[in-house]
Amino acid sequence: MSVQSAVASNALPRIPSQKRSRQRFERVVECADLMLAREGLSGFSIPALAEELGFTRRSIYLFFQTPYAVLNELTHRYIKKLEQHLEQAIQSRPPADAIQAIAHTTFAAADFHNANPVARLLILGGAVSDRSYRAQESNIRQLGILAGKLLESLGYQLPPSPPDIPTLAIELGTACFRFSQYQHDCITDTYKVEASHVMLLYLQQLLELSSTPSREALQELLACHHNSAV
């Protein structure tokens, strides 16, 4: 299910077709990104955006009926960037097996979040309304699709849904990321390891693993990941 089919229309942007309007649209999104990086969600609103840009509120409401529409547009863009980051990580370091694939993809996702605080805020932040909850779940679903493609590329046959096993695995890993974000304002190495550990535990039967790697073994994989990134 896409974000478009999961949330109300007033929580989605109206994409302009004219060049001048498109430029204004992009300025609003860029300003929102900067405001969120500087002030977080507490200082974010369409009136604040209008004041920051020197626009009328009406000129912003033409594209974004609600603040959720701005936030969902930014979240959608960061999800796309995260997908590209993970695809590049997989291509630059092809995994030897499913354990390496899940561990290193998890570590790469954590690196992306740590390098992009606004993405961390939007993707890992708790839902504050039904509209944001639905958008958040749709974004996790997009990552679940990517995880499913990765497993299939390694030769694993995914069972038919429901349950949606790849997306549930992503939910478990994201919960670890979210807790680390809440506790430490970043994804620490401890929670990078824990996220990969809980996903491997959940996927153990599907991956036909006789046992899941220990946290110590995953810490060694994380050290290799850090060394390769230097």
C-alpha atoms as a PDB file:
ATOM      1  CA  MET A   1       0.000   0.000   0.000  1.00  0.00           C
ATOM      2  CA  SER A   2       1.369   3.396  -0.969  1.00  0.00           C
ATOM      3  CA  VAL A   3       1.292   6.551   1.110  1.00  0.00           C
ATOM      4  CA  GLN A   4      -1.209   7.966  -1.374  1.00  0.00           C
ATOM      5  CA  SER A   5      -3.703   5.186  -0.711  1.00  0.00           C
ATOM      6  CA  ALA A   6      -3.098   5.119   3.037  1.00  0.00           C
ATOM      7  CA  VAL A   7      -3.725   8.701   4.106  1.00  0.00           C
ATOM      8  CA  ALA A   8      -6.332  11.389   3.601  1.00  0.00           C
ATOM      9  CA  SER A   9      -5.876  13.659   0.610  1.00  0.00           C
ATOM     10  CA  ASN A  10      -5.356  16.737   2.807  1.00  0.00           C
ATOM     11  CA  ALA A  11      -2.305  15.051   4.329  1.00  0.00           C
ATOM     12  CA  LEU A  12      -0.684  14.846   0.892  1.00  0.00           C
ATOM     13  CA  PRO A  13       0.774  17.666  -1.209  1.00  0.00           C
ATOM     14  CA  ARG A  14      -0.745  19.012  -4.391  1.00  0.00           C
ATOM     15  CA  ILE A  15       2.112  18.728  -6.864  1.00  0.00           C
ATOM     16  CA  PRO A  16       2.130  21.769  -9.180  1.00  0.00           C
ATOM     17  CA  SER A  17       2.705  21.389 -12.901  1.00  0.00           C
ATOM     18  CA  GLN A  18       3.908  24.882 -13.771  1.00  0.00           C
ATOM     19  CA  LYS A  19       7.614  25.615 -13.428  1.00  0.00           C
ATOM     20  CA  ARG A  20       7.223  28.738 -11.307  1.00  0.00           C
ATOM     21  CA  SER A  21       4.829  27.001  -8.931  1.00  0.00           C
ATOM     22  CA  ARG A  22       7.125  24.005  -8.792  1.00  0.00           C
ATOM     23  CA  GLN A  23      10.004  26.256  -7.736  1.00  0.00           C
ATOM     24  CA  ARG A  24       7.875  27.705  -4.937  1.00  0.00           C
ATOM     25  CA  PHE A  25       6.842  24.192  -3.928  1.00  0.00           C
ATOM     26  CA  GLU A  26      10.499  23.144  -3.686  1.00  0.00           C
ATOM     27  CA  ARG A  27      11.366  26.231  -1.634  1.00  0.00           C
ATOM     28  CA  VAL A  28       8.665  25.290   0.884  1.00  0.00           C
ATOM     29  CA  VAL A  29       9.994  21.719   1.181  1.00  0.00           C
ATOM     30  CA  GLU A  30      13.615  22.900   1.525  1.00  0.00           C
ATOM     31  CA  CYS A  31      12.668  25.464   4.164  1.00  0.00           C
ATOM     32  CA  ALA A  32      10.675  22.868   6.091  1.00  0.00           C
ATOM     33  CA  ASP A  33      13.725  20.595   6.089  1.00  0.00           C
ATOM     34  CA  LEU A  34      15.908  23.382   7.501  1.00  0.00           C
ATOM     35  CA  MET A  35      13.319  24.347  10.124  1.00  0.00           C
ATOM     36  CA  LEU A  36      12.965  20.768  11.331  1.00  0.00           C
ATOM     37  CA  ALA A  37      16.745  20.397  11.573  1.00  0.00           C
ATOM     38  CA  ARG A  38      16.955  23.601  13.576  1.00  0.00           C
ATOM     39  CA  GLU A  39      13.858  23.457  15.786  1.00  0.00           C
ATOM     40  CA  GLY A  40      12.334  20.003  15.555  1.00  0.00           C
ATOM     41  CA  LEU A  41       8.606  19.394  15.308  1.00  0.00           C
ATOM     42  CA  SER A  42       7.709  21.744  18.162  1.00  0.00           C
ATOM     43  CA  GLY A  43       8.545  24.847  16.138  1.00  0.00           C
ATOM     44  CA  PHE A  44       7.049  23.613  12.875  1.00  0.00           C
ATOM     45  CA  SER A  45       3.818  24.988  11.395  1.00  0.00           C
ATOM     46  CA  ILE A  46       2.591  26.444   8.139  1.00  0.00           C
ATOM     47  CA  PRO A  47       2.378  29.976   9.626  1.00  0.00           C
ATOM     48  CA  ALA A  48       6.003  29.609  10.766  1.00  0.00           C
ATOM     49  CA  LEU A  49       6.969  28.386   7.296  1.00  0.00           C
ATOM     50  CA  ALA A  50       5.227  31.350   5.688  1.00  0.00           C
ATOM     51  CA  GLU A  51       7.009  33.797   7.977  1.00  0.00           C
ATOM     52  CA  GLU A  52      10.394  32.159   7.356  1.00  0.00           C
ATOM     53  CA  LEU A  53       9.942  32.285   3.587  1.00  0.00           C
ATOM     54  CA  GLY A  54       8.205  35.636   3.369  1.00  0.00           C
ATOM     55  CA  PHE A  55       5.259  33.930   1.660  1.00  0.00           C
ATOM     56  CA  THR A  56       1.579  34.365   2.392  1.00  0.00           C
ATOM     57  CA  ARG A  57      -0.014  31.437   4.187  1.00  0.00           C
ATOM     58  CA  ARG A  58      -2.440  31.057   1.306  1.00  0.00           C
ATOM     59  CA  SER A  59       0.411  30.536  -1.157  1.00  0.00           C
ATOM     60  CA  ILE A  60       1.579  27.560   0.927  1.00  0.00           C
ATOM     61  CA  TYR A  61      -1.925  26.179   1.499  1.00  0.00           C
ATOM     62  CA  LEU A  62      -2.294  25.967  -2.287  1.00  0.00           C
ATOM     63  CA  PHE A  63       0.211  23.085  -2.192  1.00  0.00           C
ATOM     64  CA  PHE A  64      -0.030  21.843   1.390  1.00  0.00           C
ATOM     65  CA  GLN A  65      -3.456  21.875   3.032  1.00  0.00           C
ATOM     66  CA  THR A  66      -2.068  20.703   6.387  1.00  0.00           C
ATOM     67  CA  PRO A  67       1.333  20.500   8.096  1.00  0.00           C
ATOM     68  CA  TYR A  68       1.100  16.717   7.667  1.00  0.00           C
ATOM     69  CA  ALA A  69       1.241  17.184   3.895  1.00  0.00           C
ATOM     70  CA  VAL A  70       4.625  18.916   4.238  1.00  0.00           C
ATOM     71  CA  LEU A  71       5.931  16.298   6.672  1.00  0.00           C
ATOM     72  CA  ASN A  72       4.711  13.411   4.519  1.00  0.00           C
ATOM     73  CA  GLU A  73       6.364  14.881   1.430  1.00  0.00           C
ATOM     74  CA  LEU A  74       9.672  15.194   3.278  1.00  0.00           C
ATOM     75  CA  THR A  75       9.351  11.698   4.744  1.00  0.00           C
ATOM     76  CA  HIS A  76       8.621  10.244   1.313  1.00  0.00           C
ATOM     77  CA  ARG A  77      11.755  11.901  -0.068  1.00  0.00           C
ATOM     78  CA  TYR A  78      13.923  10.621   2.767  1.00  0.00           C
ATOM     79  CA  ILE A  79      12.542   7.108   2.331  1.00  0.00           C
ATOM     80  CA  LYS A  80      13.570   7.262  -1.331  1.00  0.00           C
ATOM     81  CA  LYS A  81      17.044   8.470  -0.341  1.00  0.00           C
ATOM     82  CA  LEU A  82      17.293   5.669   2.230  1.00  0.00           C
ATOM     83  CA  GLU A  83      16.321   3.099  -0.398  1.00  0.00           C
ATOM     84  CA  GLN A  84      19.012   4.442  -2.746  1.00  0.00           C
ATOM     85  CA  HIS A  85      21.565   4.402   0.085  1.00  0.00           C
ATOM     86  CA  LEU A  86      20.787   0.769   0.908  1.00  0.00           C
ATOM     87  CA  GLU A  87      20.870  -0.307  -2.728  1.00  0.00           C
ATOM     88  CA  GLN A  88      24.272   1.336  -3.150  1.00  0.00           C
ATOM     89  CA  ALA A  89      25.514  -0.320   0.048  1.00  0.00           C
ATOM     90  CA  ILE A  90      24.446  -3.741  -1.235  1.00  0.00           C
ATOM     91  CA  GLN A  91      26.027  -3.155  -4.650  1.00  0.00           C
ATOM     92  CA  SER A  92      29.318  -1.928  -3.192  1.00  0.00           C
ATOM     93  CA  ARG A  93      29.520  -4.839  -0.755  1.00  0.00           C
ATOM     94  CA  PRO A  94      27.642  -7.873  -2.126  1.00  0.00           C
ATOM     95  CA  PRO A  95      26.704 -10.117   0.816  1.00  0.00           C
ATOM     96  CA  ALA A  96      28.046 -13.650   1.012  1.00  0.00           C
ATOM     97  CA  ASP A  97      24.955 -14.931   2.825  1.00  0.00           C
ATOM     98  CA  ALA A  98      21.701 -13.814   4.427  1.00  0.00           C
ATOM     99  CA  ILE A  99      23.326 -13.061   7.778  1.00  0.00           C
ATOM    100  CA  GLN A 100      25.779 -10.641   6.209  1.00  0.00           C
ATOM    101  CA  ALA A 101      23.040  -9.161   4.016  1.00  0.00           C
ATOM    102  CA  ILE A 102      20.749  -8.372   6.938  1.00  0.00           C
ATOM    103  CA  ALA A 103      23.524  -7.202   9.250  1.00  0.00           C
ATOM    104  CA  HIS A 104      25.280  -4.903   6.807  1.00  0.00           C
ATOM    105  CA  THR A 105      22.012  -3.517   5.407  1.00  0.00           C
ATOM    106  CA  THR A 106      20.905  -2.752   8.963  1.00  0.00           C
ATOM    107  CA  PHE A 107      24.211  -1.034   9.715  1.00  0.00           C
ATOM    108  CA  ALA A 108      23.940   0.994   6.492  1.00  0.00           C
ATOM    109  CA  ALA A 109      20.406   2.071   7.415  1.00  0.00           C
ATOM    110  CA  ALA A 110      21.656   3.200  10.829  1.00  0.00           C
ATOM    111  CA  ASP A 111      24.457   5.170   9.182  1.00  0.00           C
ATOM    112  CA  PHE A 112      21.900   6.942   6.987  1.00  0.00           C
ATOM    113  CA  HIS A 113      19.748   7.894   9.966  1.00  0.00           C
ATOM    114  CA  ASN A 114      22.728   9.163  11.920  1.00  0.00           C
ATOM    115  CA  ALA A 115      23.841  11.314   8.986  1.00  0.00           C
ATOM    116  CA  ASN A 116      20.330  12.716   8.400  1.00  0.00           C
ATOM    117  CA  PRO A 117      18.736  13.963  11.640  1.00  0.00           C
ATOM    118  CA  VAL A 118      15.541  15.123   9.911  1.00  0.00           C
ATOM    119  CA  ALA A 119      15.084  11.680   8.358  1.00  0.00           C
ATOM    120  CA  ARG A 120      15.636  10.195  11.797  1.00  0.00           C
ATOM    121  CA  LEU A 121      13.007  12.512  13.259  1.00  0.00           C
ATOM    122  CA  LEU A 122      10.415  11.789  10.583  1.00  0.00           C
ATOM    123  CA  ILE A 123      10.949   8.084   9.937  1.00  0.00           C
ATOM    124  CA  LEU A 124      11.648   7.000  13.517  1.00  0.00           C
ATOM    125  CA  GLY A 125       9.520   9.567  15.336  1.00  0.00           C
ATOM    126  CA  GLY A 126       6.344   8.294  16.891  1.00  0.00           C
ATOM    127  CA  ALA A 127       3.063   8.870  15.063  1.00  0.00           C
ATOM    128  CA  VAL A 128       1.109  11.775  16.515  1.00  0.00           C
ATOM    129  CA  SER A 129      -2.176  11.285  14.647  1.00  0.00           C
ATOM    130  CA  ASP A 130      -4.064   8.734  12.605  1.00  0.00           C
ATOM    131  CA  ARG A 131      -2.825  10.443   9.445  1.00  0.00           C
ATOM    132  CA  SER A 132       0.823  10.336  10.465  1.00  0.00           C
ATOM    133  CA  TYR A 133       0.446   6.755  11.746  1.00  0.00           C
ATOM    134  CA  ARG A 134      -0.888   5.592   8.381  1.00  0.00           C
ATOM    135  CA  ALA A 135       1.881   7.387   6.507  1.00  0.00           C
ATOM    136  CA  GLN A 136       4.492   5.959   8.863  1.00  0.00           C
ATOM    137  CA  GLU A 137       3.232   2.417   8.369  1.00  0.00           C
ATOM    138  CA  SER A 138       3.204   2.869   4.596  1.00  0.00           C
ATOM    139  CA  ASN A 139       6.814   4.029   4.707  1.00  0.00           C
ATOM    140  CA  ILE A 140       7.806   0.952   6.718  1.00  0.00           C
ATOM    141  CA  ARG A 141       5.976  -1.120   4.114  1.00  0.00           C
ATOM    142  CA  GLN A 142       8.139   0.428   1.383  1.00  0.00           C
ATOM    143  CA  LEU A 143      11.253  -0.682   3.271  1.00  0.00           C
ATOM    144  CA  GLY A 144       9.676  -4.112   3.740  1.00  0.00           C
ATOM    145  CA  ILE A 145       9.341  -4.411  -0.042  1.00  0.00           C
ATOM    146  CA  LEU A 146      13.036  -3.604  -0.377  1.00  0.00           C
ATOM    147  CA  ALA A 147      13.880  -6.224   2.258  1.00  0.00           C
ATOM    148  CA  GLY A 148      11.779  -8.794   0.420  1.00  0.00           C
ATOM    149  CA  LYS A 149      13.605  -8.087  -2.837  1.00  0.00           C
ATOM    150  CA  LEU A 150      16.936  -8.520  -1.057  1.00  0.00           C
ATOM    151  CA  LEU A 151      15.919 -11.902   0.371  1.00  0.00           C
ATOM    152  CA  GLU A 152      14.585 -13.071  -2.992  1.00  0.00           C
ATOM    153  CA  SER A 153      17.829 -12.002  -4.688  1.00  0.00           C
ATOM    154  CA  LEU A 154      19.641 -14.339  -2.281  1.00  0.00           C
ATOM    155  CA  GLY A 155      17.423 -17.231  -3.368  1.00  0.00           C
ATOM    156  CA  TYR A 156      14.909 -17.306  -0.513  1.00  0.00           C
ATOM    157  CA  GLN A 157      11.297 -18.082  -1.352  1.00  0.00           C
ATOM    158  CA  LEU A 158       9.023 -15.806   0.654  1.00  0.00           C
ATOM    159  CA  PRO A 159       5.730 -17.280   1.895  1.00  0.00           C
ATOM    160  CA  PRO A 160       2.540 -15.576   0.713  1.00  0.00           C
ATOM    161  CA  SER A 161       1.145 -12.774   2.864  1.00  0.00           C
ATOM    162  CA  PRO A 162      -0.299 -12.459   5.416  1.00  0.00           C
ATOM    163  CA  PRO A 163       1.746 -12.156   7.470  1.00  0.00           C
ATOM    164  CA  ASP A 164       4.067  -9.832   5.582  1.00  0.00           C
ATOM    165  CA  ILE A 165       7.308 -11.271   6.931  1.00  0.00           C
ATOM    166  CA  PRO A 166       9.825  -8.784   5.435  1.00  0.00           C
ATOM    167  CA  THR A 167       7.825  -5.780   6.673  1.00  0.00           C
ATOM    168  CA  LEU A 168       7.423  -7.291  10.140  1.00  0.00           C
ATOM    169  CA  ALA A 169      11.184  -7.854  10.248  1.00  0.00           C
ATOM    170  CA  ILE A 170      11.723  -4.187   9.342  1.00  0.00           C
ATOM    171  CA  GLU A 171       9.257  -3.175  12.085  1.00  0.00           C
ATOM    172  CA  LEU A 172      11.335  -5.083  14.654  1.00  0.00           C
ATOM    173  CA  GLY A 173      14.574  -3.476  13.529  1.00  0.00           C
ATOM    174  CA  THR A 174      12.958  -0.044  13.378  1.00  0.00           C
ATOM    175  CA  ALA A 175      11.713  -0.463  16.950  1.00  0.00           C
ATOM    176  CA  CYS A 176      15.345  -0.883  18.069  1.00  0.00           C
ATOM    177  CA  PHE A 177      16.365   2.193  16.074  1.00  0.00           C
ATOM    178  CA  ARG A 178      13.450   4.174  17.508  1.00  0.00           C
ATOM    179  CA  PHE A 179      14.361   3.283  21.090  1.00  0.00           C
ATOM    180  CA  SER A 180      17.993   4.264  20.522  1.00  0.00           C
ATOM    181  CA  GLN A 181      16.843   7.553  18.986  1.00  0.00           C
ATOM    182  CA  TYR A 182      14.703   8.225  22.055  1.00  0.00           C
ATOM    183  CA  GLN A 183      17.462   7.315  24.503  1.00  0.00           C
ATOM    184  CA  HIS A 184      20.542   8.688  22.753  1.00  0.00           C
ATOM    185  CA  ASP A 185      19.368  10.948  19.888  1.00  0.00           C
ATOM    186  CA  CYS A 186      21.214   8.663  17.453  1.00  0.00           C
ATOM    187  CA  ILE A 187      21.512   4.979  16.557  1.00  0.00           C
ATOM    188  CA  THR A 188      24.302   3.640  18.745  1.00  0.00           C
ATOM    189  CA  ASP A 189      26.449   0.628  17.870  1.00  0.00           C
ATOM    190  CA  THR A 190      24.671  -1.370  20.579  1.00  0.00           C
ATOM    191  CA  TYR A 191      21.313  -0.850  18.918  1.00  0.00           C
ATOM    192  CA  LYS A 192      22.688  -1.445  15.432  1.00  0.00           C
ATOM    193  CA  VAL A 193      23.689  -4.899  16.643  1.00  0.00           C
ATOM    194  CA  GLU A 194      20.405  -5.413  18.502  1.00  0.00           C
ATOM    195  CA  ALA A 195      18.323  -4.470  15.447  1.00  0.00           C
ATOM    196  CA  SER A 196      20.115  -7.010  13.252  1.00  0.00           C
ATOM    197  CA  HIS A 197      19.956  -9.613  16.044  1.00  0.00           C
ATOM    198  CA  VAL A 198      16.167  -9.412  16.542  1.00  0.00           C
ATOM    199  CA  MET A 199      15.518  -9.483  12.791  1.00  0.00           C
ATOM    200  CA  LEU A 200      17.683 -12.570  12.375  1.00  0.00           C
ATOM    201  CA  LEU A 201      15.893 -14.245  15.284  1.00  0.00           C
ATOM    202  CA  TYR A 202      12.561 -13.544  13.609  1.00  0.00           C
ATOM    203  CA  LEU A 203      13.774 -14.726  10.182  1.00  0.00           C
ATOM    204  CA  GLN A 204      15.655 -17.782  11.480  1.00  0.00           C
ATOM    205  CA  GLN A 205      13.186 -20.371  10.153  1.00  0.00           C
ATOM    206  CA  LEU A 206      12.746 -18.657   6.785  1.00  0.00           C
ATOM    207  CA  LEU A 207      16.524 -18.407   6.338  1.00  0.00           C
ATOM    208  CA  GLU A 208      16.941 -22.045   7.464  1.00  0.00           C
ATOM    209  CA  LEU A 209      19.519 -21.084  10.084  1.00  0.00           C
ATOM    210  CA  SER A 210      20.415 -23.764  12.603  1.00  0.00           C
ATOM    211  CA  SER A 211      21.193 -20.939  15.003  1.00  0.00           C
ATOM    212  CA  THR A 212      21.365 -17.171  14.847  1.00  0.00           C
ATOM    213  CA  PRO A 213      24.713 -15.403  15.237  1.00  0.00           C
ATOM    214  CA  SER A 214      25.546 -14.141  18.696  1.00  0.00           C
ATOM    215  CA  ARG A 215      25.679 -10.451  19.500  1.00  0.00           C
ATOM    216  CA  GLU A 216      29.463 -10.819  19.702  1.00  0.00           C
ATOM    217  CA  ALA A 217      29.593 -12.175  16.147  1.00  0.00           C
ATOM    218  CA  LEU A 218      27.404  -9.312  14.942  1.00  0.00           C
ATOM    219  CA  GLN A 219      29.698  -6.845  16.715  1.00  0.00           C
ATOM    220  CA  GLU A 220      32.569  -8.272  14.659  1.00  0.00           C
ATOM    221  CA  LEU A 221      30.541  -7.740  11.478  1.00  0.00           C
ATOM    222  CA  LEU A 222      29.862  -4.172  12.622  1.00  0.00           C
ATOM    223  CA  ALA A 223      33.586  -3.591  13.127  1.00  0.00           C
ATOM    224  CA  CYS A 224      34.187  -4.801   9.551  1.00  0.00           C
ATOM    225  CA  HIS A 225      31.439  -2.487   8.362  1.00  0.00           C
ATOM    226  CA  HIS A 226      33.071   0.468  10.107  1.00  0.00           C
ATOM    227  CA  ASN A 227      36.484  -0.422   8.638  1.00  0.00           C
ATOM    228  CA  SER A 228      35.077  -0.644   5.113  1.00  0.00           C
ATOM    229  CA  ALA A 229      33.423   2.759   5.506  1.00  0.00           C
ATOM    230  CA  VAL A 230      36.659   4.483   6.508  1.00  0.00           C
END
